């Protein structure tokens, strides 16, 4: 009986003196809140998935940046609380002039003053804070300005300023924040995505993207030809004729138009009639373009 009482007393004392920010391993089946709650951010840039995991400390009236700030000057900071912040992406990305390969990285900040900061990606993601930080494992260092922002009580990560193949990662806390431009190689990532699970639809949509967004008509033509090799359907034929029109290859566009007309002229369903009327109109336009060229 005394042994049992001793065991329970030991458990009670251990639990009582745990810090209120502690979190029990998942195997115990229960948790207690952290002072700086965990957060995550997921964003797709082009076809690249970006995921950030961090903890959100509160300012609580404290100065955050500068000589008397919570974030120490000229010392690497975990860019959050508890475990080091991590960022993952499933294709290579580019920040400034540096290309970083797909993977998961620890994210650190190094404040030089209240106006300047270095954004760091480190190849050892599983760290507690920055206690085992090793500069030799850095894969990226990007020096940037600390910008004045409206007061942000809890540390916040978010993306904005979206353009094809790029977005800006913002990190804000207190009255300061940084903006980090993140880019992806759209041509390469779209090609790899379509090739990874290729069927005629993948070729069709890849061709559409290269034509409409990237204005790369040669690449678009390659993709639509690959799609047509698998399935010579009306949608893909019309797409090919549109690409050839963009390239001003009128004779080839007219040949595709003739094929569409042959496939649809004797059909009465609404879809076939739609393609028939559309391609007839386009064919007349292309014949005129060809005539003017001669």
C-alpha atoms as a PDB file:
ATOM      1  CA  UNK A   1       0.000   0.000   0.000  1.00  0.00           C
ATOM      2  CA  UNK A   2       2.808   2.417   0.846  1.00  0.00           C
ATOM      3  CA  UNK A   3       4.429   1.612  -2.512  1.00  0.00           C
ATOM      4  CA  UNK A   4       1.230   2.549  -4.389  1.00  0.00           C
ATOM      5  CA  UNK A   5       0.899   5.800  -2.385  1.00  0.00           C
ATOM      6  CA  UNK A   6       4.517   6.656  -3.183  1.00  0.00           C
ATOM      7  CA  UNK A   7       3.971   6.086  -6.929  1.00  0.00           C
ATOM      8  CA  UNK A   8       0.827   8.257  -7.029  1.00  0.00           C
ATOM      9  CA  UNK A   9       2.526  10.979  -4.974  1.00  0.00           C
ATOM     10  CA  UNK A  10       5.405  11.031  -7.464  1.00  0.00           C
ATOM     11  CA  UNK A  11       3.033  11.296 -10.440  1.00  0.00           C
ATOM     12  CA  UNK A  12       1.092  14.134  -8.757  1.00  0.00           C
ATOM     13  CA  UNK A  13       4.251  16.121  -7.996  1.00  0.00           C
ATOM     14  CA  UNK A  14       5.549  15.616 -11.562  1.00  0.00           C
ATOM     15  CA  UNK A  15       2.292  16.842 -13.079  1.00  0.00           C
ATOM     16  CA  UNK A  16       1.984  19.771 -10.682  1.00  0.00           C
ATOM     17  CA  UNK A  17       5.416  21.133 -11.507  1.00  0.00           C
ATOM     18  CA  UNK A  18       5.122  20.789 -15.283  1.00  0.00           C
ATOM     19  CA  UNK A  19       5.202  24.243 -16.950  1.00  0.00           C
ATOM     20  CA  UNK A  20       1.786  25.369 -18.121  1.00  0.00           C
ATOM     21  CA  UNK A  21       3.118  25.546 -21.678  1.00  0.00           C
ATOM     22  CA  UNK A  22       4.038  21.860 -21.705  1.00  0.00           C
ATOM     23  CA  UNK A  23       2.450  19.457 -24.140  1.00  0.00           C
ATOM     24  CA  UNK A  24       2.252  15.740 -23.465  1.00  0.00           C
ATOM     25  CA  UNK A  25       3.359  13.260 -26.104  1.00  0.00           C
ATOM     26  CA  UNK A  26       0.451  12.186 -28.301  1.00  0.00           C
ATOM     27  CA  UNK A  27       0.677   8.649 -26.927  1.00  0.00           C
ATOM     28  CA  UNK A  28      -0.746   9.873 -23.593  1.00  0.00           C
ATOM     29  CA  UNK A  29      -3.963  10.895 -25.338  1.00  0.00           C
ATOM     30  CA  UNK A  30      -4.291  14.372 -23.795  1.00  0.00           C
ATOM     31  CA  UNK A  31      -2.665  17.788 -23.957  1.00  0.00           C
ATOM     32  CA  UNK A  32      -2.524  21.058 -22.064  1.00  0.00           C
ATOM     33  CA  UNK A  33      -2.506  24.468 -23.800  1.00  0.00           C
ATOM     34  CA  UNK A  34       0.705  26.187 -24.776  1.00  0.00           C
ATOM     35  CA  UNK A  35       1.313  29.834 -23.989  1.00  0.00           C
ATOM     36  CA  UNK A  36       2.235  30.265 -27.664  1.00  0.00           C
ATOM     37  CA  UNK A  37      -0.283  28.172 -29.605  1.00  0.00           C
ATOM     38  CA  UNK A  38       0.725  26.215 -32.657  1.00  0.00           C
ATOM     39  CA  UNK A  39      -0.366  27.436 -36.083  1.00  0.00           C
ATOM     40  CA  UNK A  40       0.052  26.403 -39.694  1.00  0.00           C
ATOM     41  CA  UNK A  41      -0.216  28.075 -43.075  1.00  0.00           C
ATOM     42  CA  UNK A  42      -0.739  26.295 -46.392  1.00  0.00           C
ATOM     43  CA  UNK A  43      -0.520  28.032 -49.754  1.00  0.00           C
ATOM     44  CA  UNK A  44      -0.302  26.916 -53.378  1.00  0.00           C
ATOM     45  CA  UNK A  45       1.933  29.014 -55.648  1.00  0.00           C
ATOM     46  CA  UNK A  46       1.455  27.899 -59.229  1.00  0.00           C
ATOM     47  CA  UNK A  47       1.311  24.139 -58.620  1.00  0.00           C
ATOM     48  CA  UNK A  48       3.748  24.214 -55.686  1.00  0.00           C
ATOM     49  CA  UNK A  49       2.434  23.404 -52.211  1.00  0.00           C
ATOM     50  CA  UNK A  50       3.984  25.497 -49.435  1.00  0.00           C
ATOM     51  CA  UNK A  51       3.377  24.633 -45.758  1.00  0.00           C
ATOM     52  CA  UNK A  52       4.580  26.573 -42.711  1.00  0.00           C
ATOM     53  CA  UNK A  53       4.327  25.360 -39.098  1.00  0.00           C
ATOM     54  CA  UNK A  54       5.066  27.766 -36.263  1.00  0.00           C
ATOM     55  CA  UNK A  55       4.008  28.883 -32.785  1.00  0.00           C
ATOM     56  CA  UNK A  56       2.426  32.297 -32.137  1.00  0.00           C
ATOM     57  CA  UNK A  57       3.800  34.239 -29.138  1.00  0.00           C
ATOM     58  CA  UNK A  58       1.920  37.383 -28.040  1.00  0.00           C
ATOM     59  CA  UNK A  59       3.536  40.788 -27.609  1.00  0.00           C
ATOM     60  CA  UNK A  60       1.819  41.482 -24.239  1.00  0.00           C
ATOM     61  CA  UNK A  61       3.002  45.083 -24.171  1.00  0.00           C
ATOM     62  CA  UNK A  62       6.618  44.174 -24.739  1.00  0.00           C
ATOM     63  CA  UNK A  63       8.970  45.786 -27.238  1.00  0.00           C
ATOM     64  CA  UNK A  64       9.654  43.194 -29.934  1.00  0.00           C
ATOM     65  CA  UNK A  65      12.376  44.597 -32.190  1.00  0.00           C
ATOM     66  CA  UNK A  66      15.466  46.672 -31.457  1.00  0.00           C
ATOM     67  CA  UNK A  67      18.040  46.788 -28.653  1.00  0.00           C
ATOM     68  CA  UNK A  68      15.503  46.213 -25.864  1.00  0.00           C
ATOM     69  CA  UNK A  69      13.244  43.909 -27.857  1.00  0.00           C
ATOM     70  CA  UNK A  70      12.146  40.332 -27.219  1.00  0.00           C
ATOM     71  CA  UNK A  71      13.984  39.283 -30.366  1.00  0.00           C
ATOM     72  CA  UNK A  72      17.718  39.565 -29.616  1.00  0.00           C
ATOM     73  CA  UNK A  73      19.882  41.586 -31.987  1.00  0.00           C
ATOM     74  CA  UNK A  74      22.541  39.728 -33.982  1.00  0.00           C
ATOM     75  CA  UNK A  75      21.399  36.380 -32.639  1.00  0.00           C
ATOM     76  CA  UNK A  76      19.459  33.745 -34.585  1.00  0.00           C
ATOM     77  CA  UNK A  77      15.792  33.527 -33.522  1.00  0.00           C
ATOM     78  CA  UNK A  78      13.418  30.598 -34.100  1.00  0.00           C
ATOM     79  CA  UNK A  79      10.878  32.886 -35.841  1.00  0.00           C
ATOM     80  CA  UNK A  80       8.195  31.779 -33.420  1.00  0.00           C
ATOM     81  CA  UNK A  81       8.198  29.894 -30.121  1.00  0.00           C
ATOM     82  CA  UNK A  82       8.803  26.362 -28.876  1.00  0.00           C
ATOM     83  CA  UNK A  83      10.113  24.241 -31.792  1.00  0.00           C
ATOM     84  CA  UNK A  84      11.878  25.991 -34.633  1.00  0.00           C
ATOM     85  CA  UNK A  85       9.491  27.199 -37.328  1.00  0.00           C
ATOM     86  CA  UNK A  86       9.503  24.951 -40.413  1.00  0.00           C
ATOM     87  CA  UNK A  87       8.652  25.557 -44.061  1.00  0.00           C
ATOM     88  CA  UNK A  88       8.069  22.843 -46.665  1.00  0.00           C
ATOM     89  CA  UNK A  89       7.611  22.993 -50.442  1.00  0.00           C
ATOM     90  CA  UNK A  90       7.199  20.123 -52.901  1.00  0.00           C
ATOM     91  CA  UNK A  91       9.050  21.719 -55.834  1.00  0.00           C
ATOM     92  CA  UNK A  92      12.107  23.978 -55.908  1.00  0.00           C
ATOM     93  CA  UNK A  93      11.474  27.638 -55.051  1.00  0.00           C
ATOM     94  CA  UNK A  94      13.507  30.785 -55.562  1.00  0.00           C
ATOM     95  CA  UNK A  95      14.080  33.587 -53.067  1.00  0.00           C
ATOM     96  CA  UNK A  96      16.105  36.501 -54.383  1.00  0.00           C
ATOM     97  CA  UNK A  97      18.726  34.803 -56.603  1.00  0.00           C
ATOM     98  CA  UNK A  98      18.896  31.518 -54.672  1.00  0.00           C
ATOM     99  CA  UNK A  99      17.030  28.371 -55.756  1.00  0.00           C
ATOM    100  CA  UNK A 100      16.166  26.066 -52.838  1.00  0.00           C
ATOM    101  CA  UNK A 101      15.355  22.447 -53.584  1.00  0.00           C
ATOM    102  CA  UNK A 102      12.073  20.817 -52.528  1.00  0.00           C
ATOM    103  CA  UNK A 103      12.059  19.704 -48.892  1.00  0.00           C
ATOM    104  CA  UNK A 104      11.433  20.790 -45.307  1.00  0.00           C
ATOM    105  CA  UNK A 105      13.620  23.448 -43.688  1.00  0.00           C
ATOM    106  CA  UNK A 106      13.920  25.265 -40.377  1.00  0.00           C
ATOM    107  CA  UNK A 107      13.116  28.971 -40.715  1.00  0.00           C
ATOM    108  CA  UNK A 108      15.075  31.479 -38.641  1.00  0.00           C
ATOM    109  CA  UNK A 109      15.362  35.253 -38.486  1.00  0.00           C
ATOM    110  CA  UNK A 110      18.463  37.261 -37.593  1.00  0.00           C
ATOM    111  CA  UNK A 111      17.673  40.857 -36.589  1.00  0.00           C
ATOM    112  CA  UNK A 112      20.535  43.302 -37.137  1.00  0.00           C
ATOM    113  CA  UNK A 113      18.638  46.394 -35.964  1.00  0.00           C
ATOM    114  CA  UNK A 114      15.070  47.633 -35.769  1.00  0.00           C
ATOM    115  CA  UNK A 115      15.265  48.249 -39.530  1.00  0.00           C
ATOM    116  CA  UNK A 116      17.078  45.240 -41.002  1.00  0.00           C
ATOM    117  CA  UNK A 117      16.772  41.468 -40.743  1.00  0.00           C
ATOM    118  CA  UNK A 118      18.096  38.307 -42.415  1.00  0.00           C
ATOM    119  CA  UNK A 119      15.681  35.526 -43.417  1.00  0.00           C
ATOM    120  CA  UNK A 120      17.342  32.108 -43.060  1.00  0.00           C
ATOM    121  CA  UNK A 121      16.470  28.604 -44.262  1.00  0.00           C
ATOM    122  CA  UNK A 122      18.398  25.799 -42.579  1.00  0.00           C
ATOM    123  CA  UNK A 123      18.499  22.145 -43.651  1.00  0.00           C
ATOM    124  CA  UNK A 124      17.967  20.780 -40.116  1.00  0.00           C
ATOM    125  CA  UNK A 125      14.194  21.168 -39.575  1.00  0.00           C
ATOM    126  CA  UNK A 126      13.705  19.264 -36.322  1.00  0.00           C
ATOM    127  CA  UNK A 127      15.116  21.612 -33.703  1.00  0.00           C
ATOM    128  CA  UNK A 128      13.908  23.038 -30.415  1.00  0.00           C
ATOM    129  CA  UNK A 129      14.283  26.764 -30.722  1.00  0.00           C
ATOM    130  CA  UNK A 130      17.668  27.762 -32.093  1.00  0.00           C
ATOM    131  CA  UNK A 131      19.753  26.054 -29.421  1.00  0.00           C
ATOM    132  CA  UNK A 132      21.324  23.557 -31.855  1.00  0.00           C
ATOM    133  CA  UNK A 133      21.385  25.926 -34.839  1.00  0.00           C
ATOM    134  CA  UNK A 134      24.345  25.275 -37.145  1.00  0.00           C
ATOM    135  CA  UNK A 135      25.171  28.036 -39.625  1.00  0.00           C
ATOM    136  CA  UNK A 136      26.984  25.578 -41.887  1.00  0.00           C
ATOM    137  CA  UNK A 137      23.608  23.950 -42.639  1.00  0.00           C
ATOM    138  CA  UNK A 138      22.058  27.170 -43.994  1.00  0.00           C
ATOM    139  CA  UNK A 139      20.805  26.833 -47.571  1.00  0.00           C
ATOM    140  CA  UNK A 140      19.575  30.428 -47.860  1.00  0.00           C
ATOM    141  CA  UNK A 141      20.292  33.813 -46.285  1.00  0.00           C
ATOM    142  CA  UNK A 142      18.260  36.760 -47.541  1.00  0.00           C
ATOM    143  CA  UNK A 143      18.838  40.201 -46.014  1.00  0.00           C
ATOM    144  CA  UNK A 144      15.765  42.426 -46.102  1.00  0.00           C
ATOM    145  CA  UNK A 145      14.247  45.507 -44.516  1.00  0.00           C
ATOM    146  CA  UNK A 146      12.130  45.433 -41.377  1.00  0.00           C
ATOM    147  CA  UNK A 147       9.001  47.339 -42.356  1.00  0.00           C
ATOM    148  CA  UNK A 148       6.665  49.328 -40.122  1.00  0.00           C
ATOM    149  CA  UNK A 149       3.249  47.642 -39.867  1.00  0.00           C
ATOM    150  CA  UNK A 150       0.089  48.177 -37.789  1.00  0.00           C
ATOM    151  CA  UNK A 151       0.434  46.534 -34.387  1.00  0.00           C
ATOM    152  CA  UNK A 152       0.233  42.750 -34.652  1.00  0.00           C
ATOM    153  CA  UNK A 153      -0.297  41.258 -31.187  1.00  0.00           C
ATOM    154  CA  UNK A 154       0.381  37.609 -32.063  1.00  0.00           C
ATOM    155  CA  UNK A 155       3.114  36.594 -34.489  1.00  0.00           C
ATOM    156  CA  UNK A 156       1.570  36.152 -37.937  1.00  0.00           C
ATOM    157  CA  UNK A 157       2.624  34.527 -41.205  1.00  0.00           C
ATOM    158  CA  UNK A 158       0.622  35.088 -44.399  1.00  0.00           C
ATOM    159  CA  UNK A 159       0.979  35.312 -48.194  1.00  0.00           C
ATOM    160  CA  UNK A 160      -0.162  38.151 -50.455  1.00  0.00           C
ATOM    161  CA  UNK A 161       0.693  39.931 -53.753  1.00  0.00           C
ATOM    162  CA  UNK A 162      -0.084  36.896 -55.885  1.00  0.00           C
ATOM    163  CA  UNK A 163       1.152  36.841 -59.489  1.00  0.00           C
ATOM    164  CA  UNK A 164       1.675  33.888 -61.847  1.00  0.00           C
ATOM    165  CA  UNK A 165       4.397  31.798 -60.222  1.00  0.00           C
ATOM    166  CA  UNK A 166       5.061  34.077 -57.276  1.00  0.00           C
ATOM    167  CA  UNK A 167       3.765  35.450 -53.986  1.00  0.00           C
ATOM    168  CA  UNK A 168       5.102  37.403 -51.008  1.00  0.00           C
ATOM    169  CA  UNK A 169       5.538  35.758 -47.609  1.00  0.00           C
ATOM    170  CA  UNK A 170       4.895  38.230 -44.787  1.00  0.00           C
ATOM    171  CA  UNK A 171       6.062  37.714 -41.205  1.00  0.00           C
ATOM    172  CA  UNK A 172       4.762  40.310 -38.730  1.00  0.00           C
ATOM    173  CA  UNK A 173       4.943  40.801 -34.979  1.00  0.00           C
ATOM    174  CA  UNK A 174       4.573  43.953 -32.926  1.00  0.00           C
ATOM    175  CA  UNK A 175       5.153  47.024 -35.110  1.00  0.00           C
ATOM    176  CA  UNK A 176       7.575  45.423 -37.573  1.00  0.00           C
ATOM    177  CA  UNK A 177       7.507  42.789 -40.284  1.00  0.00           C
ATOM    178  CA  UNK A 178       9.359  41.472 -43.309  1.00  0.00           C
ATOM    179  CA  UNK A 179       8.209  40.671 -46.844  1.00  0.00           C
ATOM    180  CA  UNK A 180       9.958  37.807 -48.650  1.00  0.00           C
ATOM    181  CA  UNK A 181       9.298  37.287 -52.393  1.00  0.00           C
ATOM    182  CA  UNK A 182       8.861  33.593 -53.243  1.00  0.00           C
ATOM    183  CA  UNK A 183       8.989  32.428 -56.862  1.00  0.00           C
ATOM    184  CA  UNK A 184       8.548  29.099 -58.627  1.00  0.00           C
ATOM    185  CA  UNK A 185       9.501  28.013 -62.140  1.00  0.00           C
ATOM    186  CA  UNK A 186       6.038  27.694 -63.641  1.00  0.00           C
ATOM    187  CA  UNK A 187       7.138  26.150 -66.913  1.00  0.00           C
ATOM    188  CA  UNK A 188       9.136  23.413 -65.192  1.00  0.00           C
ATOM    189  CA  UNK A 189       6.650  22.667 -62.407  1.00  0.00           C
ATOM    190  CA  UNK A 190       3.615  22.537 -64.721  1.00  0.00           C
ATOM    191  CA  UNK A 191       5.523  20.208 -67.070  1.00  0.00           C
ATOM    192  CA  UNK A 192       6.488  17.879 -64.226  1.00  0.00           C
ATOM    193  CA  UNK A 193       2.986  17.918 -62.764  1.00  0.00           C
ATOM    194  CA  UNK A 194       1.353  17.011 -66.064  1.00  0.00           C
ATOM    195  CA  UNK A 195       3.944  14.339 -66.865  1.00  0.00           C
ATOM    196  CA  UNK A 196       3.604  12.676 -63.449  1.00  0.00           C
ATOM    197  CA  UNK A 197       0.055  11.446 -64.182  1.00  0.00           C
ATOM    198  CA  UNK A 198      -0.253  11.898 -67.928  1.00  0.00           C
ATOM    199  CA  UNK A 199      -3.472  11.309 -69.814  1.00  0.00           C
ATOM    200  CA  UNK A 200      -5.134  13.351 -72.550  1.00  0.00           C
ATOM    201  CA  UNK A 201      -6.751  15.675 -69.988  1.00  0.00           C
ATOM    202  CA  UNK A 202      -3.360  16.445 -68.422  1.00  0.00           C
ATOM    203  CA  UNK A 203      -1.999  17.277 -71.860  1.00  0.00           C
ATOM    204  CA  UNK A 204      -5.041  19.395 -72.682  1.00  0.00           C
ATOM    205  CA  UNK A 205      -4.828  21.505 -69.513  1.00  0.00           C
ATOM    206  CA  UNK A 206      -1.043  21.808 -69.709  1.00  0.00           C
ATOM    207  CA  UNK A 207      -1.398  23.088 -73.288  1.00  0.00           C
ATOM    208  CA  UNK A 208      -4.091  25.513 -72.193  1.00  0.00           C
ATOM    209  CA  UNK A 209      -1.878  26.842 -69.398  1.00  0.00           C
ATOM    210  CA  UNK A 210       1.156  27.276 -71.638  1.00  0.00           C
ATOM    211  CA  UNK A 211      -0.983  29.048 -74.236  1.00  0.00           C
ATOM    212  CA  UNK A 212      -3.061  31.336 -72.012  1.00  0.00           C
ATOM    213  CA  UNK A 213      -0.757  32.093 -69.083  1.00  0.00           C
ATOM    214  CA  UNK A 214       2.833  31.559 -70.215  1.00  0.00           C
ATOM    215  CA  UNK A 215       2.335  32.494 -73.891  1.00  0.00           C
ATOM    216  CA  UNK A 216       4.703  29.641 -74.765  1.00  0.00           C
ATOM    217  CA  UNK A 217       3.003  28.370 -77.897  1.00  0.00           C
ATOM    218  CA  UNK A 218       5.702  25.898 -78.935  1.00  0.00           C
ATOM    219  CA  UNK A 219       5.417  24.148 -75.578  1.00  0.00           C
ATOM    220  CA  UNK A 220       1.615  24.309 -75.739  1.00  0.00           C
ATOM    221  CA  UNK A 221       1.695  22.638 -79.160  1.00  0.00           C
ATOM    222  CA  UNK A 222       3.860  19.805 -77.824  1.00  0.00           C
ATOM    223  CA  UNK A 223       1.392  19.132 -75.020  1.00  0.00           C
ATOM    224  CA  UNK A 224      -1.722  19.184 -77.217  1.00  0.00           C
ATOM    225  CA  UNK A 225      -0.072  16.866 -79.746  1.00  0.00           C
ATOM    226  CA  UNK A 226       0.714  14.448 -76.917  1.00  0.00           C
ATOM    227  CA  UNK A 227      -2.911  14.652 -75.769  1.00  0.00           C
ATOM    228  CA  UNK A 228      -4.203  14.025 -79.310  1.00  0.00           C
ATOM    229  CA  UNK A 229      -1.940  10.988 -79.633  1.00  0.00           C
ATOM    230  CA  UNK A 230      -3.938   9.443 -76.783  1.00  0.00           C
ATOM    231  CA  UNK A 231      -7.409  10.677 -77.731  1.00  0.00           C
ATOM    232  CA  UNK A 232      -8.261  12.633 -80.889  1.00  0.00           C
ATOM    233  CA  UNK A 233     -11.304  14.384 -79.423  1.00  0.00           C
ATOM    234  CA  UNK A 234     -12.990  17.594 -80.501  1.00  0.00           C
ATOM    235  CA  UNK A 235     -11.877  19.644 -77.474  1.00  0.00           C
ATOM    236  CA  UNK A 236      -8.209  18.881 -78.109  1.00  0.00           C
ATOM    237  CA  UNK A 237      -8.501  19.512 -81.845  1.00  0.00           C
ATOM    238  CA  UNK A 238     -10.102  22.897 -81.216  1.00  0.00           C
ATOM    239  CA  UNK A 239      -7.369  23.671 -78.703  1.00  0.00           C
ATOM    240  CA  UNK A 240      -4.707  22.790 -81.264  1.00  0.00           C
ATOM    241  CA  UNK A 241      -6.301  25.046 -83.868  1.00  0.00           C
ATOM    242  CA  UNK A 242      -6.280  27.916 -81.347  1.00  0.00           C
ATOM    243  CA  UNK A 243      -2.579  27.377 -80.603  1.00  0.00           C
ATOM    244  CA  UNK A 244      -1.756  27.327 -84.325  1.00  0.00           C
ATOM    245  CA  UNK A 245      -3.758  30.537 -84.721  1.00  0.00           C
ATOM    246  CA  UNK A 246      -1.635  32.193 -82.004  1.00  0.00           C
ATOM    247  CA  UNK A 247       1.456  31.073 -83.921  1.00  0.00           C
ATOM    248  CA  UNK A 248      -0.012  32.406 -87.205  1.00  0.00           C
ATOM    249  CA  UNK A 249       0.395  28.988 -88.802  1.00  0.00           C
ATOM    250  CA  UNK A 250      -2.748  29.404 -90.869  1.00  0.00           C
ATOM    251  CA  UNK A 251      -2.324  26.412 -93.215  1.00  0.00           C
ATOM    252  CA  UNK A 252      -1.955  23.970 -90.319  1.00  0.00           C
ATOM    253  CA  UNK A 253      -4.867  25.549 -88.462  1.00  0.00           C
ATOM    254  CA  UNK A 254      -7.035  25.113 -91.563  1.00  0.00           C
ATOM    255  CA  UNK A 255      -6.079  21.420 -91.800  1.00  0.00           C
ATOM    256  CA  UNK A 256      -7.163  20.908 -88.186  1.00  0.00           C
ATOM    257  CA  UNK A 257     -10.400  22.771 -88.947  1.00  0.00           C
ATOM    258  CA  UNK A 258     -11.120  20.393 -91.849  1.00  0.00           C
ATOM    259  CA  UNK A 259     -10.688  17.426 -89.490  1.00  0.00           C
ATOM    260  CA  UNK A 260     -13.121  18.931 -86.960  1.00  0.00           C
ATOM    261  CA  UNK A 261     -15.644  19.607 -89.743  1.00  0.00           C
ATOM    262  CA  UNK A 262     -15.353  16.018 -90.966  1.00  0.00           C
ATOM    263  CA  UNK A 263     -16.029  14.707 -87.459  1.00  0.00           C
ATOM    264  CA  UNK A 264     -19.055  16.946 -86.811  1.00  0.00           C
ATOM    265  CA  UNK A 265     -20.810  17.846 -90.090  1.00  0.00           C
ATOM    266  CA  UNK A 266     -23.214  14.885 -90.089  1.00  0.00           C
ATOM    267  CA  UNK A 267     -24.003  14.942 -86.373  1.00  0.00           C
ATOM    268  CA  UNK A 268     -27.044  16.664 -84.917  1.00  0.00           C
ATOM    269  CA  UNK A 269     -26.239  16.717 -81.195  1.00  0.00           C
ATOM    270  CA  UNK A 270     -25.731  20.151 -79.684  1.00  0.00           C
ATOM    271  CA  UNK A 271     -22.089  19.613 -78.753  1.00  0.00           C
ATOM    272  CA  UNK A 272     -21.066  18.576 -82.261  1.00  0.00           C
ATOM    273  CA  UNK A 273     -23.013  21.464 -83.759  1.00  0.00           C
ATOM    274  CA  UNK A 274     -21.284  23.892 -81.399  1.00  0.00           C
ATOM    275  CA  UNK A 275     -17.846  22.707 -82.552  1.00  0.00           C
ATOM    276  CA  UNK A 276     -18.952  22.673 -86.204  1.00  0.00           C
ATOM    277  CA  UNK A 277     -20.208  26.275 -86.195  1.00  0.00           C
ATOM    278  CA  UNK A 278     -17.217  27.526 -84.214  1.00  0.00           C
ATOM    279  CA  UNK A 279     -14.615  25.925 -86.467  1.00  0.00           C
ATOM    280  CA  UNK A 280     -16.410  26.968 -89.701  1.00  0.00           C
ATOM    281  CA  UNK A 281     -16.220  30.593 -88.555  1.00  0.00           C
ATOM    282  CA  UNK A 282     -12.560  30.238 -87.620  1.00  0.00           C
ATOM    283  CA  UNK A 283     -11.677  28.490 -90.866  1.00  0.00           C
ATOM    284  CA  UNK A 284     -13.058  31.364 -92.961  1.00  0.00           C
ATOM    285  CA  UNK A 285     -11.013  33.823 -90.902  1.00  0.00           C
ATOM    286  CA  UNK A 286      -7.819  31.782 -91.322  1.00  0.00           C
ATOM    287  CA  UNK A 287      -8.348  31.376 -95.065  1.00  0.00           C
ATOM    288  CA  UNK A 288      -8.611  35.137 -95.334  1.00  0.00           C
ATOM    289  CA  UNK A 289      -5.414  35.559 -93.290  1.00  0.00           C
ATOM    290  CA  UNK A 290      -3.647  33.091 -95.579  1.00  0.00           C
ATOM    291  CA  UNK A 291      -4.921  34.891 -98.675  1.00  0.00           C
ATOM    292  CA  UNK A 292      -3.752  38.260 -97.339  1.00  0.00           C
ATOM    293  CA  UNK A 293      -0.348  36.779 -96.612  1.00  0.00           C
ATOM    294  CA  UNK A 294       0.053  35.622-100.185  1.00  0.00           C
END
